Amino acid sequence: MSRILMMIYGLVCYALGVVSLVLFILFANNHIGMIWPEYAALGIDHANTAPWAMPMVVNIALIVLFGLQHTIMARPAFKSRLTAFLPHAMERSTYILMTALVLIILVLYWQPMTGMVWHVENETARLALQGIYFLGWVITFAATYMINHFHLFGLQQTFHWGNPDSTVKKFVTPMFYKLVRHPI
């Protein structure tokens, strides 16, 4: 595969990964309408598709799909099978692509469930909770840069194809990682 095609593949996977993550962040807080008003109905509390008879079963299946994709694709055995027919430099980008697709499926097919888990009436408290929610995501993104964001999302591997050091990742524990093993 040509170097240019590999770089394009890495960029497309990265872009889809970032877009799907932003979509999920907004979905989980019912704020997709802030960016895409025509999709304002997409939200964790809204029916995104025709309602299913058992929303909890659908939602558990979607969460299991996400967990399985992350777990299976992270295993060395799966990676070695994948790199048997894809260049090693594309492995991480392919993981990001599959994660993006699973997140998009989760957002599109999530079913709202009846009942109230919790509700905050006080506007100040509600805004404080939303601030904490978005702060958590800022910390998550910041943590990716602390351990090499571009390696984590596959760009380093696809842009430095052929460089044996591009796939090597040293174990480091900067900033947040000194406090928490996995701040992401």
C-alpha atoms as a PDB file:
ATOM      1  CA  MET A   1       0.000   0.000   0.000  1.00  0.00           C
ATOM      2  CA  SER A   2       1.342   3.425  -0.847  1.00  0.00           C
ATOM      3  CA  ARG A   3       2.484   5.812   1.844  1.00  0.00           C
ATOM      4  CA  ILE A   4      -0.076   8.441   0.736  1.00  0.00           C
ATOM      5  CA  LEU A   5      -2.988   5.985   0.957  1.00  0.00           C
ATOM      6  CA  MET A   6      -1.857   4.904   4.413  1.00  0.00           C
ATOM      7  CA  MET A   7      -1.707   8.517   5.563  1.00  0.00           C
ATOM      8  CA  ILE A   8      -5.169   9.221   4.126  1.00  0.00           C
ATOM      9  CA  TYR A   9      -6.502   6.089   5.842  1.00  0.00           C
ATOM     10  CA  GLY A  10      -5.015   7.235   9.159  1.00  0.00           C
ATOM     11  CA  LEU A  11      -6.492  10.725   8.786  1.00  0.00           C
ATOM     12  CA  VAL A  12      -9.959   9.413   7.855  1.00  0.00           C
ATOM     13  CA  CYS A  13      -9.972   6.991  10.797  1.00  0.00           C
ATOM     14  CA  TYR A  14      -8.757   9.742  13.136  1.00  0.00           C
ATOM     15  CA  ALA A  15     -11.420  12.174  11.908  1.00  0.00           C
ATOM     16  CA  LEU A  16     -14.180   9.577  12.273  1.00  0.00           C
ATOM     17  CA  GLY A  17     -12.874   8.726  15.739  1.00  0.00           C
ATOM     18  CA  VAL A  18     -12.928  12.343  16.888  1.00  0.00           C
ATOM     19  CA  VAL A  19     -16.341  13.037  15.309  1.00  0.00           C
ATOM     20  CA  SER A  20     -17.863   9.929  16.884  1.00  0.00           C
ATOM     21  CA  LEU A  21     -16.415  10.822  20.278  1.00  0.00           C
ATOM     22  CA  VAL A  22     -17.795  14.370  20.098  1.00  0.00           C
ATOM     23  CA  LEU A  23     -21.119  12.913  18.945  1.00  0.00           C
ATOM     24  CA  PHE A  24     -21.149  10.576  21.945  1.00  0.00           C
ATOM     25  CA  ILE A  25     -20.219  13.359  24.373  1.00  0.00           C
ATOM     26  CA  LEU A  26     -23.106  15.483  23.118  1.00  0.00           C
ATOM     27  CA  PHE A  27     -25.464  12.480  22.930  1.00  0.00           C
ATOM     28  CA  ALA A  28     -24.827  11.470  26.540  1.00  0.00           C
ATOM     29  CA  ASN A  29     -25.749  14.995  27.665  1.00  0.00           C
ATOM     30  CA  ASN A  30     -28.651  15.533  25.204  1.00  0.00           C
ATOM     31  CA  HIS A  31     -26.769  18.371  23.472  1.00  0.00           C
ATOM     32  CA  ILE A  32     -26.368  17.212  19.864  1.00  0.00           C
ATOM     33  CA  GLY A  33     -28.752  20.006  18.822  1.00  0.00           C
ATOM     34  CA  MET A  34     -26.092  22.537  19.891  1.00  0.00           C
ATOM     35  CA  ILE A  35     -23.953  21.568  16.895  1.00  0.00           C
ATOM     36  CA  TRP A  36     -26.433  19.853  14.570  1.00  0.00           C
ATOM     37  CA  PRO A  37     -29.910  21.379  15.149  1.00  0.00           C
ATOM     38  CA  GLU A  38     -31.495  19.006  12.624  1.00  0.00           C
ATOM     39  CA  TYR A  39     -30.397  16.084  14.836  1.00  0.00           C
ATOM     40  CA  ALA A  40     -31.511  17.618  18.140  1.00  0.00           C
ATOM     41  CA  ALA A  41     -33.680  14.550  18.776  1.00  0.00           C
ATOM     42  CA  LEU A  42     -30.543  12.393  19.045  1.00  0.00           C
ATOM     43  CA  GLY A  43     -29.949  12.122  22.737  1.00  0.00           C
ATOM     44  CA  ILE A  44     -29.769   9.599  25.494  1.00  0.00           C
ATOM     45  CA  ASP A  45     -33.296  10.535  26.620  1.00  0.00           C
ATOM     46  CA  HIS A  46     -34.873  10.496  23.142  1.00  0.00           C
ATOM     47  CA  ALA A  47     -36.016   7.710  20.826  1.00  0.00           C
ATOM     48  CA  ASN A  48     -33.459   7.751  18.018  1.00  0.00           C
ATOM     49  CA  THR A  49     -35.146   4.978  16.050  1.00  0.00           C
ATOM     50  CA  ALA A  50     -38.525   3.274  16.165  1.00  0.00           C
ATOM     51  CA  PRO A  51     -39.002   2.195  19.793  1.00  0.00           C
ATOM     52  CA  TRP A  52     -38.207  -1.428  20.565  1.00  0.00           C
ATOM     53  CA  ALA A  53     -40.287  -3.544  22.906  1.00  0.00           C
ATOM     54  CA  MET A  54     -37.434  -4.041  25.385  1.00  0.00           C
ATOM     55  CA  PRO A  55     -35.194  -0.969  25.449  1.00  0.00           C
ATOM     56  CA  MET A  56     -33.016  -2.260  28.282  1.00  0.00           C
ATOM     57  CA  VAL A  57     -32.092  -5.353  26.243  1.00  0.00           C
ATOM     58  CA  VAL A  58     -31.194  -3.175  23.233  1.00  0.00           C
ATOM     59  CA  ASN A  59     -29.108  -0.808  25.370  1.00  0.00           C
ATOM     60  CA  ILE A  60     -27.285  -3.619  27.151  1.00  0.00           C
ATOM     61  CA  ALA A  61     -26.562  -5.209  23.758  1.00  0.00           C
ATOM     62  CA  LEU A  62     -25.128  -1.882  22.532  1.00  0.00           C
ATOM     63  CA  ILE A  63     -22.900  -1.557  25.612  1.00  0.00           C
ATOM     64  CA  VAL A  64     -21.786  -5.183  25.239  1.00  0.00           C
ATOM     65  CA  LEU A  65     -20.983  -4.513  21.556  1.00  0.00           C
ATOM     66  CA  PHE A  66     -18.785  -1.571  22.591  1.00  0.00           C
ATOM     67  CA  GLY A  67     -17.062  -3.636  25.285  1.00  0.00           C
ATOM     68  CA  LEU A  68     -16.513  -6.615  22.992  1.00  0.00           C
ATOM     69  CA  GLN A  69     -15.062  -4.471  20.227  1.00  0.00           C
ATOM     70  CA  HIS A  70     -12.647  -2.832  22.666  1.00  0.00           C
ATOM     71  CA  THR A  71     -11.701  -6.096  24.362  1.00  0.00           C
ATOM     72  CA  ILE A  72     -11.324  -8.325  21.320  1.00  0.00           C
ATOM     73  CA  MET A  73      -9.461  -5.826  19.155  1.00  0.00           C
ATOM     74  CA  ALA A  74      -7.028  -5.018  21.992  1.00  0.00           C
ATOM     75  CA  ARG A  75      -5.863  -8.637  22.304  1.00  0.00           C
ATOM     76  CA  PRO A  76      -2.475  -9.592  20.826  1.00  0.00           C
ATOM     77  CA  ALA A  77      -3.999 -12.621  19.070  1.00  0.00           C
ATOM     78  CA  PHE A  78      -6.518 -10.437  17.251  1.00  0.00           C
ATOM     79  CA  LYS A  79      -3.844  -7.875  16.376  1.00  0.00           C
ATOM     80  CA  SER A  80      -1.591 -10.550  14.889  1.00  0.00           C
ATOM     81  CA  ARG A  81      -4.468 -11.903  12.776  1.00  0.00           C
ATOM     82  CA  LEU A  82      -5.378  -8.397  11.637  1.00  0.00           C
ATOM     83  CA  THR A  83      -1.807  -7.519  10.706  1.00  0.00           C
ATOM     84  CA  ALA A  84      -1.554 -10.743   8.697  1.00  0.00           C
ATOM     85  CA  PHE A  85      -3.542  -8.990   5.943  1.00  0.00           C
ATOM     86  CA  LEU A  86      -3.174  -5.290   6.874  1.00  0.00           C
ATOM     87  CA  PRO A  87       0.095  -3.415   7.314  1.00  0.00           C
ATOM     88  CA  HIS A  88       1.057  -3.199  10.988  1.00  0.00           C
ATOM     89  CA  ALA A  89       0.960   0.609  10.755  1.00  0.00           C
ATOM     90  CA  MET A  90      -2.794   0.460  10.030  1.00  0.00           C
ATOM     91  CA  GLU A  91      -3.717  -1.674  13.046  1.00  0.00           C
ATOM     92  CA  ARG A  92      -4.355   1.184  15.490  1.00  0.00           C
ATOM     93  CA  SER A  93      -6.213   3.279  12.924  1.00  0.00           C
ATOM     94  CA  THR A  94      -8.436   0.282  12.181  1.00  0.00           C
ATOM     95  CA  TYR A  95      -9.160  -0.037  15.919  1.00  0.00           C
ATOM     96  CA  ILE A  96     -10.137   3.655  15.988  1.00  0.00           C
ATOM     97  CA  LEU A  97     -12.326   3.200  12.897  1.00  0.00           C
ATOM     98  CA  MET A  98     -14.179   0.251  14.444  1.00  0.00           C
ATOM     99  CA  THR A  99     -14.614   2.158  17.722  1.00  0.00           C
ATOM    100  CA  ALA A 100     -16.076   5.092  15.792  1.00  0.00           C
ATOM    101  CA  LEU A 101     -18.537   2.833  13.982  1.00  0.00           C
ATOM    102  CA  VAL A 102     -19.622   1.166  17.226  1.00  0.00           C
ATOM    103  CA  LEU A 103     -20.118   4.569  18.909  1.00  0.00           C
ATOM    104  CA  ILE A 104     -22.214   5.788  15.975  1.00  0.00           C
ATOM    105  CA  ILE A 105     -24.309   2.608  16.134  1.00  0.00           C
ATOM    106  CA  LEU A 106     -24.749   3.121  19.877  1.00  0.00           C
ATOM    107  CA  VAL A 107     -25.949   6.702  19.393  1.00  0.00           C
ATOM    108  CA  LEU A 108     -28.301   5.804  16.541  1.00  0.00           C
ATOM    109  CA  TYR A 109     -29.921   2.776  18.165  1.00  0.00           C
ATOM    110  CA  TRP A 110     -29.968   3.738  21.844  1.00  0.00           C
ATOM    111  CA  GLN A 111     -33.437   3.391  23.346  1.00  0.00           C
ATOM    112  CA  PRO A 112     -34.710   5.684  26.105  1.00  0.00           C
ATOM    113  CA  MET A 113     -35.938   3.875  29.172  1.00  0.00           C
ATOM    114  CA  THR A 114     -38.845   4.862  31.355  1.00  0.00           C
ATOM    115  CA  GLY A 115     -38.402   5.989  34.901  1.00  0.00           C
ATOM    116  CA  MET A 116     -36.274   8.639  36.508  1.00  0.00           C
ATOM    117  CA  VAL A 117     -32.863   7.803  37.914  1.00  0.00           C
ATOM    118  CA  TRP A 118     -32.208  11.322  39.132  1.00  0.00           C
ATOM    119  CA  HIS A 119     -33.324  14.849  38.340  1.00  0.00           C
ATOM    120  CA  VAL A 120     -31.921  18.218  39.398  1.00  0.00           C
ATOM    121  CA  GLU A 121     -34.355  21.143  39.515  1.00  0.00           C
ATOM    122  CA  ASN A 122     -31.958  23.821  40.781  1.00  0.00           C
ATOM    123  CA  GLU A 123     -30.487  25.648  37.762  1.00  0.00           C
ATOM    124  CA  THR A 124     -27.165  26.408  39.486  1.00  0.00           C
ATOM    125  CA  ALA A 125     -26.715  22.798  40.570  1.00  0.00           C
ATOM    126  CA  ARG A 126     -27.653  21.593  37.082  1.00  0.00           C
ATOM    127  CA  LEU A 127     -25.100  23.910  35.470  1.00  0.00           C
ATOM    128  CA  ALA A 128     -22.460  22.805  37.993  1.00  0.00           C
ATOM    129  CA  LEU A 129     -23.130  19.152  37.111  1.00  0.00           C
ATOM    130  CA  GLN A 130     -22.888  19.928  33.403  1.00  0.00           C
ATOM    131  CA  GLY A 131     -19.635  21.753  34.053  1.00  0.00           C
ATOM    132  CA  ILE A 132     -18.254  18.712  35.862  1.00  0.00           C
ATOM    133  CA  TYR A 133     -19.419  16.498  32.985  1.00  0.00           C
ATOM    134  CA  PHE A 134     -17.605  18.575  30.372  1.00  0.00           C
ATOM    135  CA  LEU A 135     -14.565  19.008  32.658  1.00  0.00           C
ATOM    136  CA  GLY A 136     -14.324  15.211  32.764  1.00  0.00           C
ATOM    137  CA  TRP A 137     -14.151  15.130  28.979  1.00  0.00           C
ATOM    138  CA  VAL A 138     -11.539  17.933  28.925  1.00  0.00           C
ATOM    139  CA  ILE A 139      -9.448  15.883  31.367  1.00  0.00           C
ATOM    140  CA  THR A 140      -9.899  12.830  29.135  1.00  0.00           C
ATOM    141  CA  PHE A 141      -8.668  14.667  26.041  1.00  0.00           C
ATOM    142  CA  ALA A 142      -5.805  16.265  27.991  1.00  0.00           C
ATOM    143  CA  ALA A 143      -4.786  12.813  29.234  1.00  0.00           C
ATOM    144  CA  THR A 144      -4.498  11.562  25.640  1.00  0.00           C
ATOM    145  CA  TYR A 145      -1.929  14.276  24.932  1.00  0.00           C
ATOM    146  CA  MET A 146       0.030  13.366  28.062  1.00  0.00           C
ATOM    147  CA  ILE A 147       0.739   9.891  26.653  1.00  0.00           C
ATOM    148  CA  ASN A 148       1.009  10.843  22.951  1.00  0.00           C
ATOM    149  CA  HIS A 149      -2.403  11.543  21.462  1.00  0.00           C
ATOM    150  CA  PHE A 150      -1.246  10.869  17.902  1.00  0.00           C
ATOM    151  CA  HIS A 151       0.100   7.419  18.769  1.00  0.00           C
ATOM    152  CA  LEU A 152      -3.065   6.539  20.708  1.00  0.00           C
ATOM    153  CA  PHE A 153      -5.261   7.484  17.730  1.00  0.00           C
ATOM    154  CA  GLY A 154      -3.053   5.796  15.107  1.00  0.00           C
ATOM    155  CA  LEU A 155      -1.732   8.834  13.242  1.00  0.00           C
ATOM    156  CA  GLN A 156       1.876   8.392  14.315  1.00  0.00           C
ATOM    157  CA  GLN A 157       1.896   4.850  12.947  1.00  0.00           C
ATOM    158  CA  THR A 158       0.348   5.729   9.572  1.00  0.00           C
ATOM    159  CA  PHE A 159       2.426   8.882   9.065  1.00  0.00           C
ATOM    160  CA  HIS A 160       5.716   7.259  10.024  1.00  0.00           C
ATOM    161  CA  TRP A 161       5.162   3.965   8.234  1.00  0.00           C
ATOM    162  CA  GLY A 162       8.334   1.960   8.012  1.00  0.00           C
ATOM    163  CA  ASN A 163       9.866   3.610  11.069  1.00  0.00           C
ATOM    164  CA  PRO A 164      10.176   0.808  13.653  1.00  0.00           C
ATOM    165  CA  ASP A 165       9.889   3.338  16.496  1.00  0.00           C
ATOM    166  CA  SER A 166       6.497   4.627  15.288  1.00  0.00           C
ATOM    167  CA  THR A 167       4.668   1.636  16.761  1.00  0.00           C
ATOM    168  CA  VAL A 168       6.738   1.452  19.942  1.00  0.00           C
ATOM    169  CA  LYS A 169       5.178   3.139  22.933  1.00  0.00           C
ATOM    170  CA  LYS A 170       7.172   3.667  26.105  1.00  0.00           C
ATOM    171  CA  PHE A 171       5.356   3.357  29.420  1.00  0.00           C
ATOM    172  CA  VAL A 172       5.200   6.802  31.023  1.00  0.00           C
ATOM    173  CA  THR A 173       3.263   8.230  33.958  1.00  0.00           C
ATOM    174  CA  PRO A 174       3.059  12.017  33.533  1.00  0.00           C
ATOM    175  CA  MET A 175       0.691  14.337  35.407  1.00  0.00           C
ATOM    176  CA  PHE A 176      -2.750  12.649  35.737  1.00  0.00           C
ATOM    177  CA  TYR A 177      -1.168   9.232  35.277  1.00  0.00           C
ATOM    178  CA  LYS A 178       0.804   9.717  38.500  1.00  0.00           C
ATOM    179  CA  LEU A 179      -2.514   9.970  40.349  1.00  0.00           C
ATOM    180  CA  VAL A 180      -4.683   7.486  38.435  1.00  0.00           C
ATOM    181  CA  ARG A 181      -3.599   4.453  36.428  1.00  0.00           C
ATOM    182  CA  HIS A 182      -6.082   5.100  33.615  1.00  0.00           C
ATOM    183  CA  PRO A 183      -7.439   8.689  33.673  1.00  0.00           C
ATOM    184  CA  ILE A 184      -8.956   8.320  30.216  1.00  0.00           C
END
